[in-house]
């Protein structure tokens, strides 16, 4: 088959898409064919580094072609790899003088520059964030590890998208069994496409249908680097800035980047505040409704009179009132997320003030209920990574509190803790280092010890080298 027919066959296999481009160079009876996607390939580099040098070659032998190409990213490929290389932005080169095929990677994507991610702002510390380009993300990790022990293993996932996925870990620190298990699970994924790293989570967790988050994620290279140093494995996915990390324990959600760039006593205080915040968010509305309906006798008499005065004209039952306010806050939150930024803030603030104030004046809702729900909704974001799970549990405990009171809330809380205690991923107990209680890991638990005291890596999961410093 001559070069022209071969390139025509490839165009047909690519359904004659408009960005499929082919060039044919003929000299002294020899032919050289080039085929690539103009949407991916840098045309300037193609002309200056590939086409023009080869056109100056007097004899178009395969070796001459290979030597004249001005690119370091050049490799020989097989017939079955042609389409894959073209779809990844390479220029495929054919020669009539040889059956060998060349692939030259000169892809060009419009990549966003690394900037501070909106999900993890810091007062002090690095402000770089991952981008949607996996090569940039690998570079951000590489610049933090001038060591040959940073290992990167790549594979393609998705029959249609063929998304590049890179597994990163530190040789001699990360548990090899965990690395093998992660690679095995990724290779066994049989799906049509992976658009974001979130698509991989159900395939990597032991309980894919669970409400609770079981894999860590971050947009910041300094956080991912710190987790690699602890012996974790990172998973980078092309076209997304979110990097997955595992094994994962719930303690990670109480930790914040700023904790490690500030005084350890202040960081410990902030962690206590986060714990209080998550309990207020989780149980606040449920406990309030339970006290109002079933246990009003334990409330101070002055506060009980205040509640009675404020609720006597309310046409709804206490449960319907709290549920209505909670739904109102949730609707305002959803609206503020989806509106343009210059409208979202105004809508959320104006909506909360006007609807809340008007609702109280109209006698539809009471001031204590508004305050309780507002505190619970604000406290959700002391640990924003858990806001989705906490919101669901907040409504569940609200229903339990309105149905059976404090006894039901305590029973529900015990059930949730017991369930969390049963979760284990890649050998890491979900509630470690609290259950099981690991003294050394509690140096970076609710209380953060000085960095000089953290001489070992976490024992919550297995690592090949436990010692960090002498």
Protein backbone atom coordinates (compact mmCIF):
# COMPACT_ATOMS: atom_id res chain seq x y z
CA UNK A 1 0.00 0.00 0.00
CA UNK A 2 1.47 3.39 -0.97
CA UNK A 3 1.69 6.32 1.45
CA UNK A 4 -1.34 8.19 0.04
CA UNK A 5 -3.64 5.18 0.38
CA UNK A 6 -2.34 4.48 3.89
CA UNK A 7 -3.10 8.03 5.02
CA UNK A 8 -6.51 7.91 3.34
CA UNK A 9 -7.30 4.74 5.28
CA UNK A 10 -6.36 6.46 8.55
CA UNK A 11 -8.56 9.46 7.69
CA UNK A 12 -11.45 7.08 7.08
CA UNK A 13 -10.87 5.40 10.47
CA UNK A 14 -11.00 8.89 12.01
CA UNK A 15 -14.31 9.51 10.18
CA UNK A 16 -12.80 12.32 8.10
CA UNK A 17 -12.88 14.72 11.04
CA UNK A 18 -12.13 18.29 9.94
CA UNK A 19 -8.96 18.62 12.06
CA UNK A 20 -7.25 15.53 10.61
CA UNK A 21 -4.42 16.90 8.46
CA UNK A 22 -2.07 15.08 6.10
CA UNK A 23 0.96 16.23 4.13
CA UNK A 24 2.87 14.36 1.44
CA UNK A 25 6.49 15.09 0.49
CA UNK A 26 7.89 13.58 -2.72
CA UNK A 27 11.52 13.70 -3.85
CA UNK A 28 13.41 11.50 -6.35
CA UNK A 29 10.60 8.94 -6.39
CA UNK A 30 10.55 8.55 -2.58
CA UNK A 31 7.57 9.64 -0.51
CA UNK A 32 7.21 10.78 3.10
CA UNK A 33 3.73 11.16 4.60
CA UNK A 34 2.72 13.14 7.69
CA UNK A 35 -0.65 12.86 9.42
CA UNK A 36 -1.74 14.66 12.58
CA UNK A 37 -4.55 16.61 14.28
CA UNK A 38 -4.16 20.33 13.67
CA UNK A 39 -6.25 21.05 16.79
CA UNK A 40 -3.58 19.42 18.99
CA UNK A 41 -0.37 19.91 17.05
CA UNK A 42 1.75 23.05 17.05
CA UNK A 43 1.85 23.90 13.34
CA UNK A 44 4.82 26.24 13.74
CA UNK A 45 6.94 23.52 15.33
CA UNK A 46 5.75 21.02 12.71
CA UNK A 47 6.93 23.27 9.90
CA UNK A 48 10.23 24.38 11.45
CA UNK A 49 11.31 21.15 13.22
CA UNK A 50 9.91 18.41 10.97
CA UNK A 51 8.68 19.36 7.49
CA UNK A 52 11.35 21.91 6.45
CA UNK A 53 14.38 19.87 7.66
CA UNK A 54 13.10 16.74 5.89
CA UNK A 55 12.35 18.70 2.68
CA UNK A 56 16.04 19.71 2.57
CA UNK A 57 17.11 16.08 2.75
CA UNK A 58 18.36 14.95 -0.71
CA UNK A 59 17.73 11.22 -0.20
CA UNK A 60 14.56 10.33 1.73
CA UNK A 61 15.76 7.14 3.43
CA UNK A 62 14.28 6.22 6.80
CA UNK A 63 17.52 6.90 8.69
CA UNK A 64 17.97 10.30 7.00
CA UNK A 65 14.42 11.27 7.91
CA UNK A 66 14.95 10.25 11.52
CA UNK A 67 18.25 12.17 11.75
CA UNK A 68 16.90 15.36 10.16
CA UNK A 69 13.90 15.69 12.49
CA UNK A 70 14.69 18.31 15.13
CA UNK A 71 12.88 16.82 18.10
CA UNK A 72 13.90 14.83 21.16
CA UNK A 73 10.45 13.28 21.63
CA UNK A 74 10.56 10.81 18.75
CA UNK A 75 9.89 7.07 18.80
CA UNK A 76 9.15 4.14 16.51
CA UNK A 77 5.65 2.71 16.81
CA UNK A 78 3.72 -0.30 15.54
CA UNK A 79 0.83 -0.31 13.09
CA UNK A 80 -1.73 -0.79 15.84
CA UNK A 81 -0.47 2.27 17.77
CA UNK A 82 -0.98 4.80 14.96
CA UNK A 83 -4.46 6.03 15.94
CA UNK A 84 -3.63 6.25 19.64
CA UNK A 85 -0.56 8.42 18.93
CA UNK A 86 -2.46 10.69 16.54
CA UNK A 87 -5.26 11.16 19.08
CA UNK A 88 -2.71 12.17 21.71
CA UNK A 89 -1.31 14.96 19.56
CA UNK A 90 1.63 13.29 17.85
CA UNK A 91 2.68 13.61 14.22
CA UNK A 92 2.90 10.15 12.59
CA UNK A 93 5.48 9.86 9.80
CA UNK A 94 5.49 7.20 7.04
CA UNK A 95 8.25 6.53 4.54
CA UNK A 96 8.02 4.64 1.26
CA UNK A 97 11.61 3.45 1.77
CA UNK A 98 10.85 1.59 5.04
CA UNK A 99 7.90 -0.14 6.75
CA UNK A 100 8.87 1.53 10.04
CA UNK A 101 6.63 4.27 11.44
CA UNK A 102 7.70 7.30 13.48
CA UNK A 103 5.72 9.21 16.11
CA UNK A 104 6.81 12.73 17.07
CA UNK A 105 5.15 14.38 20.06
CA UNK A 106 4.67 18.11 19.41
CA UNK A 107 1.23 18.51 20.95
CA UNK A 108 0.09 21.94 22.04
CA UNK A 109 -2.71 22.44 24.58
CA UNK A 110 -3.95 25.69 26.06
CA UNK A 111 -3.10 25.04 29.70
CA UNK A 112 -4.04 27.23 32.66
CA UNK A 113 -1.08 28.61 34.58
CA UNK A 114 -0.65 27.33 38.17
CA UNK A 115 -2.46 29.66 40.57
CA UNK A 116 -3.88 29.56 44.08
CA UNK A 117 -6.85 27.16 44.04
CA UNK A 118 -10.17 28.57 45.29
CA UNK A 119 -10.77 25.47 47.45
CA UNK A 120 -7.59 25.83 49.54
CA UNK A 121 -6.50 29.44 50.10
CA UNK A 122 -3.63 30.01 52.54
CA UNK A 123 -2.50 32.95 54.66
CA UNK A 124 1.08 31.73 54.63
CA UNK A 125 2.71 29.04 52.51
CA UNK A 126 2.85 28.08 48.82
CA UNK A 127 0.08 29.44 46.60
CA UNK A 128 0.63 27.15 43.63
CA UNK A 129 -2.20 24.87 42.61
CA UNK A 130 -2.54 21.99 40.20
CA UNK A 131 -3.96 22.67 36.73
CA UNK A 132 -5.85 20.61 34.16
CA UNK A 133 -2.61 19.64 32.39
CA UNK A 134 -1.07 16.46 33.81
CA UNK A 135 2.45 17.33 32.57
CA UNK A 136 2.33 20.61 34.49
CA UNK A 137 1.09 18.78 37.58
CA UNK A 138 3.90 16.22 37.38
CA UNK A 139 6.36 19.09 37.08
CA UNK A 140 4.92 20.72 40.23
CA UNK A 141 5.54 17.47 42.11
CA UNK A 142 8.99 16.90 40.60
CA UNK A 143 10.25 20.32 41.69
CA UNK A 144 9.51 19.32 45.30
CA UNK A 145 11.40 16.02 45.14
CA UNK A 146 14.98 16.20 43.88
CA UNK A 147 15.26 12.49 44.52
CA UNK A 148 15.16 9.44 42.26
CA UNK A 149 12.75 7.79 44.73
CA UNK A 150 9.72 9.64 43.37
CA UNK A 151 8.14 6.99 41.14
CA UNK A 152 5.55 7.82 38.47
CA UNK A 153 3.63 5.03 36.72
CA UNK A 154 1.16 5.86 33.96
CA UNK A 155 -1.70 4.05 32.27
CA UNK A 156 -4.73 4.89 30.11
CA UNK A 157 -8.25 4.50 31.49
CA UNK A 158 -11.46 4.66 29.46
CA UNK A 159 -12.23 3.03 26.14
CA UNK A 160 -13.27 6.29 24.48
CA UNK A 161 -11.37 8.98 26.42
CA UNK A 162 -8.16 6.98 27.00
CA UNK A 163 -7.44 9.35 29.87
CA UNK A 164 -3.86 9.43 31.15
CA UNK A 165 -3.69 8.43 34.82
CA UNK A 166 -0.42 8.64 36.77
CA UNK A 167 0.21 6.86 40.07
CA UNK A 168 2.88 8.61 42.17
CA UNK A 169 4.62 7.31 45.29
CA UNK A 170 7.97 7.39 47.07
CA UNK A 171 10.02 4.21 46.65
CA UNK A 172 11.19 2.85 50.00
CA UNK A 173 8.44 4.68 51.91
CA UNK A 174 5.06 3.75 50.39
CA UNK A 175 3.81 0.22 50.96
CA UNK A 176 4.43 -1.80 47.77
CA UNK A 177 1.31 -3.89 48.43
CA UNK A 178 -0.83 -0.74 48.38
CA UNK A 179 0.83 0.43 45.15
CA UNK A 180 0.20 -2.96 43.49
CA UNK A 181 -3.42 -2.99 44.66
CA UNK A 182 -4.02 0.53 43.35
CA UNK A 183 -2.47 -0.31 39.97
CA UNK A 184 -4.50 -3.52 39.77
CA UNK A 185 -7.79 -1.72 40.49
CA UNK A 186 -7.03 1.00 37.93
CA UNK A 187 -6.12 -1.55 35.24
CA UNK A 188 -9.36 -3.45 35.90
CA UNK A 189 -11.57 -0.41 35.29
CA UNK A 190 -13.83 -1.11 32.34
CA UNK A 191 -15.68 2.08 31.41
CA UNK A 192 -16.19 4.21 28.34
CA UNK A 193 -14.53 7.31 29.76
CA UNK A 194 -12.96 9.13 32.70
CA UNK A 195 -13.67 12.88 32.69
CA UNK A 196 -12.48 13.73 36.21
CA UNK A 197 -10.60 12.06 39.06
CA UNK A 198 -13.95 11.67 40.87
CA UNK A 199 -14.88 9.03 38.28
CA UNK A 200 -12.14 6.76 39.69
CA UNK A 201 -13.27 6.91 43.33
CA UNK A 202 -15.97 4.20 43.21
CA UNK A 203 -13.47 1.76 41.69
CA UNK A 204 -10.87 2.36 44.42
CA UNK A 205 -12.99 2.32 47.57
CA UNK A 206 -14.05 -0.72 49.57
CA UNK A 207 -17.60 0.68 49.94
CA UNK A 208 -18.43 2.57 46.73
CA UNK A 209 -22.06 3.20 47.76
CA UNK A 210 -21.19 4.70 51.13
CA UNK A 211 -22.14 8.29 51.99
CA UNK A 212 -18.73 8.96 53.48
CA UNK A 213 -15.66 10.11 51.62
CA UNK A 214 -13.01 7.37 51.56
CA UNK A 215 -10.28 8.88 49.37
CA UNK A 216 -8.41 12.11 49.97
CA UNK A 217 -8.18 14.82 47.34
CA UNK A 218 -6.33 18.09 46.97
CA UNK A 219 -5.57 20.82 44.45
CA UNK A 220 -2.29 21.82 46.11
CA UNK A 221 1.09 20.23 45.32
CA UNK A 222 2.47 21.01 48.79
CA UNK A 223 -0.36 19.02 50.43
CA UNK A 224 0.09 16.08 48.05
CA UNK A 225 3.88 16.19 48.60
CA UNK A 226 3.38 16.08 52.37
CA UNK A 227 1.09 13.05 51.99
CA UNK A 228 3.63 11.30 49.75
CA UNK A 229 6.24 11.85 52.47
CA UNK A 230 3.88 10.17 54.93
CA UNK A 231 3.80 7.07 52.71
CA UNK A 232 0.59 7.66 50.81
CA UNK A 233 -0.03 7.09 47.10
CA UNK A 234 -1.20 9.92 44.82
CA UNK A 235 -3.27 9.52 41.65
CA UNK A 236 -3.06 12.28 39.03
CA UNK A 237 -5.65 12.36 36.25
CA UNK A 238 -5.30 14.36 33.04
CA UNK A 239 -7.78 17.24 32.50
CA UNK A 240 -8.48 17.80 36.20
CA UNK A 241 -6.62 19.68 38.98
CA UNK A 242 -7.92 17.34 41.71
CA UNK A 243 -5.31 14.78 42.81
CA UNK A 244 -6.46 11.74 44.79
CA UNK A 245 -4.48 10.39 47.76
CA UNK A 246 -4.80 7.15 49.67
CA UNK A 247 -4.92 5.47 52.18
CA UNK A 248 -7.35 7.96 53.72
CA UNK A 249 -8.41 8.49 57.34
CA UNK A 250 -11.05 10.92 58.57
CA UNK A 251 -8.47 12.80 60.66
CA UNK A 252 -7.15 14.34 57.42
CA UNK A 253 -10.32 16.42 57.13
CA UNK A 254 -9.62 18.14 60.47
CA UNK A 255 -6.17 19.15 59.25
CA UNK A 256 -5.65 22.27 57.20
CA UNK A 257 -2.71 23.55 55.15
CA UNK A 258 -2.40 26.61 57.39
CA UNK A 259 -1.90 24.35 60.44
CA UNK A 260 1.63 23.54 59.29
CA UNK A 261 2.60 27.11 58.42
CA UNK A 262 1.65 28.63 61.77
CA UNK A 263 2.27 28.18 65.50
CA UNK A 264 1.38 24.67 66.68
CA UNK A 265 -0.60 25.93 69.71
CA UNK A 266 -2.77 28.14 67.52
CA UNK A 267 -3.18 25.27 65.03
CA UNK A 268 -4.35 22.98 67.86
CA UNK A 269 -6.91 25.58 68.97
CA UNK A 270 -8.25 25.84 65.42
CA UNK A 271 -8.66 22.05 65.26
CA UNK A 272 -10.74 22.10 68.45
CA UNK A 273 -12.90 24.83 66.91
CA UNK A 274 -13.35 22.71 63.76
CA UNK A 275 -14.48 19.76 65.88
CA UNK A 276 -17.01 21.96 67.72
CA UNK A 277 -18.15 23.36 64.37
CA UNK A 278 -18.78 19.94 62.84
CA UNK A 279 -20.82 18.83 65.87
CA UNK A 280 -22.86 22.04 65.77
CA UNK A 281 -23.52 21.50 62.08
CA UNK A 282 -24.36 17.84 62.52
CA UNK A 283 -26.55 17.96 65.65
CA UNK A 284 -27.58 21.60 66.16
CA UNK A 285 -31.04 21.65 64.48
CA UNK A 286 -31.85 18.10 65.64
CA UNK A 287 -30.99 18.81 69.29
CA UNK A 288 -32.91 22.12 69.21
CA UNK A 289 -36.08 20.48 67.90
CA UNK A 290 -35.71 17.57 70.37
CA UNK A 291 -35.38 19.97 73.32
CA UNK A 292 -38.35 22.01 72.14
CA UNK A 293 -40.63 19.01 71.63
CA UNK A 294 -39.55 16.43 74.22
CA UNK A 295 -37.10 17.87 76.76
CA UNK A 296 -38.19 21.48 77.28
CA UNK A 297 -37.97 20.97 81.05
CA UNK A 298 -34.14 20.94 80.88
CA UNK A 299 -34.02 24.41 79.28
CA UNK A 300 -33.44 27.49 81.49
CA UNK A 301 -36.78 29.08 82.39
CA UNK A 302 -35.88 32.46 80.84
CA UNK A 303 -34.90 30.87 77.54
CA UNK A 304 -38.02 28.71 77.61
CA UNK A 305 -40.16 31.84 78.03
CA UNK A 306 -38.31 33.49 75.10
CA UNK A 307 -39.00 30.49 72.86
CA UNK A 308 -42.63 30.35 73.95
CA UNK A 309 -43.13 34.06 73.23
CA UNK A 310 -41.48 33.85 69.81
CA UNK A 311 -43.27 30.68 68.64
CA UNK A 312 -46.83 31.16 69.93
CA UNK A 313 -47.95 32.94 66.73
CA UNK A 314 -46.11 30.57 64.35
CA UNK A 315 -48.63 28.59 62.24
CA UNK A 316 -46.27 25.65 61.67
CA UNK A 317 -45.16 22.87 63.98
CA UNK A 318 -41.56 23.21 65.27
CA UNK A 319 -40.38 20.44 62.94
CA UNK A 320 -41.95 22.01 59.82
CA UNK A 321 -40.52 25.39 60.84
CA UNK A 322 -36.94 24.12 61.18
CA UNK A 323 -37.24 22.04 58.02
CA UNK A 324 -38.55 25.06 56.09
CA UNK A 325 -35.67 27.30 57.25
CA UNK A 326 -33.09 24.59 56.49
CA UNK A 327 -34.47 24.13 52.98
CA UNK A 328 -34.48 27.90 52.47
CA UNK A 329 -30.80 28.17 53.42
CA UNK A 330 -29.93 25.21 51.18
CA UNK A 331 -31.77 26.75 48.22
CA UNK A 332 -29.93 30.05 48.73
CA UNK A 333 -26.63 28.18 48.85
CA UNK A 334 -27.37 26.33 45.60
CA UNK A 335 -28.41 29.58 43.91
CA UNK A 336 -25.25 31.40 45.02
CA UNK A 337 -23.12 28.57 43.60
CA UNK A 338 -24.69 28.61 40.15
CA UNK A 339 -25.17 32.30 39.55
CA UNK A 340 -22.30 34.44 38.18
CA UNK A 341 -19.99 35.59 40.97
CA UNK A 342 -21.14 39.23 40.85
CA UNK A 343 -24.77 38.09 41.26
CA UNK A 344 -24.24 35.10 43.57
CA UNK A 345 -22.93 37.06 46.57
CA UNK A 346 -25.66 39.70 46.28
CA UNK A 347 -28.39 37.06 45.94
CA UNK A 348 -27.23 35.02 48.93
CA UNK A 349 -26.80 38.01 51.25
CA UNK A 350 -29.96 39.82 50.17
CA UNK A 351 -31.95 36.57 50.15
CA UNK A 352 -30.83 35.57 53.63
CA UNK A 353 -31.44 39.04 55.11
CA UNK A 354 -34.72 39.90 53.39
CA UNK A 355 -36.35 36.46 53.48
CA UNK A 356 -35.20 35.79 57.05
CA UNK A 357 -36.26 39.19 58.39
CA UNK A 358 -39.52 39.25 56.43
CA UNK A 359 -40.34 35.68 57.51
CA UNK A 360 -39.91 36.60 61.18
CA UNK A 361 -41.97 39.80 60.86
CA UNK A 362 -44.68 37.93 58.97
CA UNK A 363 -44.92 35.38 61.77
CA UNK A 364 -43.95 32.41 59.60
CA UNK A 365 -40.70 31.59 61.41
CA UNK A 366 -39.22 32.41 64.81
CA UNK A 367 -35.89 34.19 65.54
CA UNK A 368 -34.45 31.31 67.67
CA UNK A 369 -35.05 28.82 64.86
CA UNK A 370 -33.37 31.13 62.31
CA UNK A 371 -30.34 31.54 64.58
CA UNK A 372 -30.00 27.79 65.23
CA UNK A 373 -30.21 26.88 61.54
CA UNK A 374 -27.92 29.75 60.50
CA UNK A 375 -25.23 28.67 63.01
CA UNK A 376 -25.53 25.04 61.81
CA UNK A 377 -25.24 26.03 58.14
CA UNK A 378 -22.25 28.30 58.76
CA UNK A 379 -20.53 25.66 60.92
CA UNK A 380 -20.77 23.22 57.97
CA UNK A 381 -17.87 25.00 56.33
CA UNK A 382 -15.42 24.72 59.20
CA UNK A 383 -14.57 21.48 57.36
CA UNK A 384 -15.75 22.21 53.81
CA UNK A 385 -14.53 18.85 52.45
CA UNK A 386 -17.19 17.12 54.57
CA UNK A 387 -20.01 19.60 53.89
CA UNK A 388 -21.92 17.26 51.54
CA UNK A 389 -21.94 14.34 53.99
CA UNK A 390 -22.67 16.59 56.97
CA UNK A 391 -25.64 18.23 55.19
CA UNK A 392 -27.26 14.83 54.59
CA UNK A 393 -26.66 13.74 58.20
CA UNK A 394 -27.97 17.09 59.44
CA UNK A 395 -31.36 16.41 57.84
CA UNK A 396 -31.35 12.81 59.13
CA UNK A 397 -30.67 13.92 62.74
CA UNK A 398 -33.32 16.62 62.36
CA UNK A 399 -35.93 13.96 61.52
CA UNK A 400 -34.68 11.71 64.36
CA UNK A 401 -34.78 14.60 66.86
CA UNK A 402 -38.35 15.47 65.86
CA UNK A 403 -39.42 11.81 66.07
CA UNK A 404 -37.86 10.35 69.23
CA UNK A 405 -35.89 13.14 70.88
CA UNK A 406 -32.38 13.16 72.34
CA UNK A 407 -32.35 9.41 72.94
CA UNK A 408 -32.79 8.82 69.21
CA UNK A 409 -30.03 11.35 68.38
CA UNK A 410 -27.62 9.63 70.76
CA UNK A 411 -28.52 6.24 69.26
CA UNK A 412 -28.08 7.59 65.73
CA UNK A 413 -24.71 9.10 66.63
CA UNK A 414 -23.55 5.77 68.10
CA UNK A 415 -24.65 4.00 64.91
CA UNK A 416 -22.76 6.49 62.70
CA UNK A 417 -19.57 6.13 64.79
CA UNK A 418 -19.86 2.33 64.74
CA UNK A 419 -20.32 2.39 60.98
CA UNK A 420 -17.31 4.66 60.49
CA UNK A 421 -15.30 2.36 62.73
CA UNK A 422 -16.06 -0.55 60.39
CA UNK A 423 -14.64 1.17 57.28
CA UNK A 424 -11.13 0.27 56.21
CA UNK A 425 -9.36 1.16 52.97
CA UNK A 426 -5.95 -0.17 51.91
CA UNK A 427 -5.22 -1.28 55.48
CA UNK A 428 -6.04 2.06 57.12
CA UNK A 429 -8.85 2.12 59.76
CA UNK A 430 -11.13 5.07 58.97
CA UNK A 431 -11.17 6.45 62.53
CA UNK A 432 -7.44 6.03 63.19
CA UNK A 433 -5.63 7.21 65.26
CA UNK A 434 -8.62 7.40 67.63
CA UNK A 435 -9.89 3.89 66.95
CA UNK A 436 -7.58 2.06 67.23
CA UNK A 437 -5.86 4.54 69.53
CA UNK A 438 -2.31 5.20 68.28
CA UNK A 439 -0.32 7.45 70.62
CA UNK A 440 2.37 8.51 68.14
CA UNK A 441 -0.17 9.50 65.46
CA UNK A 442 -2.02 11.71 67.94
CA UNK A 443 0.92 14.10 67.80
CA UNK A 444 -0.77 15.29 64.61
CA UNK A 445 -4.33 14.57 65.71
CA UNK A 446 -6.72 16.94 67.45
CA UNK A 447 -3.65 18.56 69.00
CA UNK A 448 -0.71 19.33 66.69
CA UNK A 449 2.69 18.83 68.28
CA UNK A 450 5.78 20.80 67.12
CA UNK A 451 7.28 19.45 63.89
CA UNK A 452 10.47 18.45 65.75
CA UNK A 453 8.42 15.97 67.80
CA UNK A 454 7.00 14.19 64.73
CA UNK A 455 9.85 11.75 64.33
CA UNK A 456 7.86 8.92 62.73
CA UNK A 457 5.43 8.53 59.88
CA UNK A 458 1.79 7.66 60.63
CA UNK A 459 1.28 4.15 61.98
CA UNK A 460 -2.40 4.20 60.96
CA UNK A 461 -1.34 2.46 57.75
CA UNK A 462 1.70 0.42 56.78
CA UNK A 463 4.81 2.09 55.36
CA UNK A 464 8.19 0.58 54.50
CA UNK A 465 10.15 3.23 56.42
CA UNK A 466 8.51 4.48 59.60
CA UNK A 467 11.22 6.96 60.67
CA UNK A 468 11.15 10.53 59.34
CA UNK A 469 13.90 12.19 61.37
CA UNK A 470 16.41 11.41 64.10
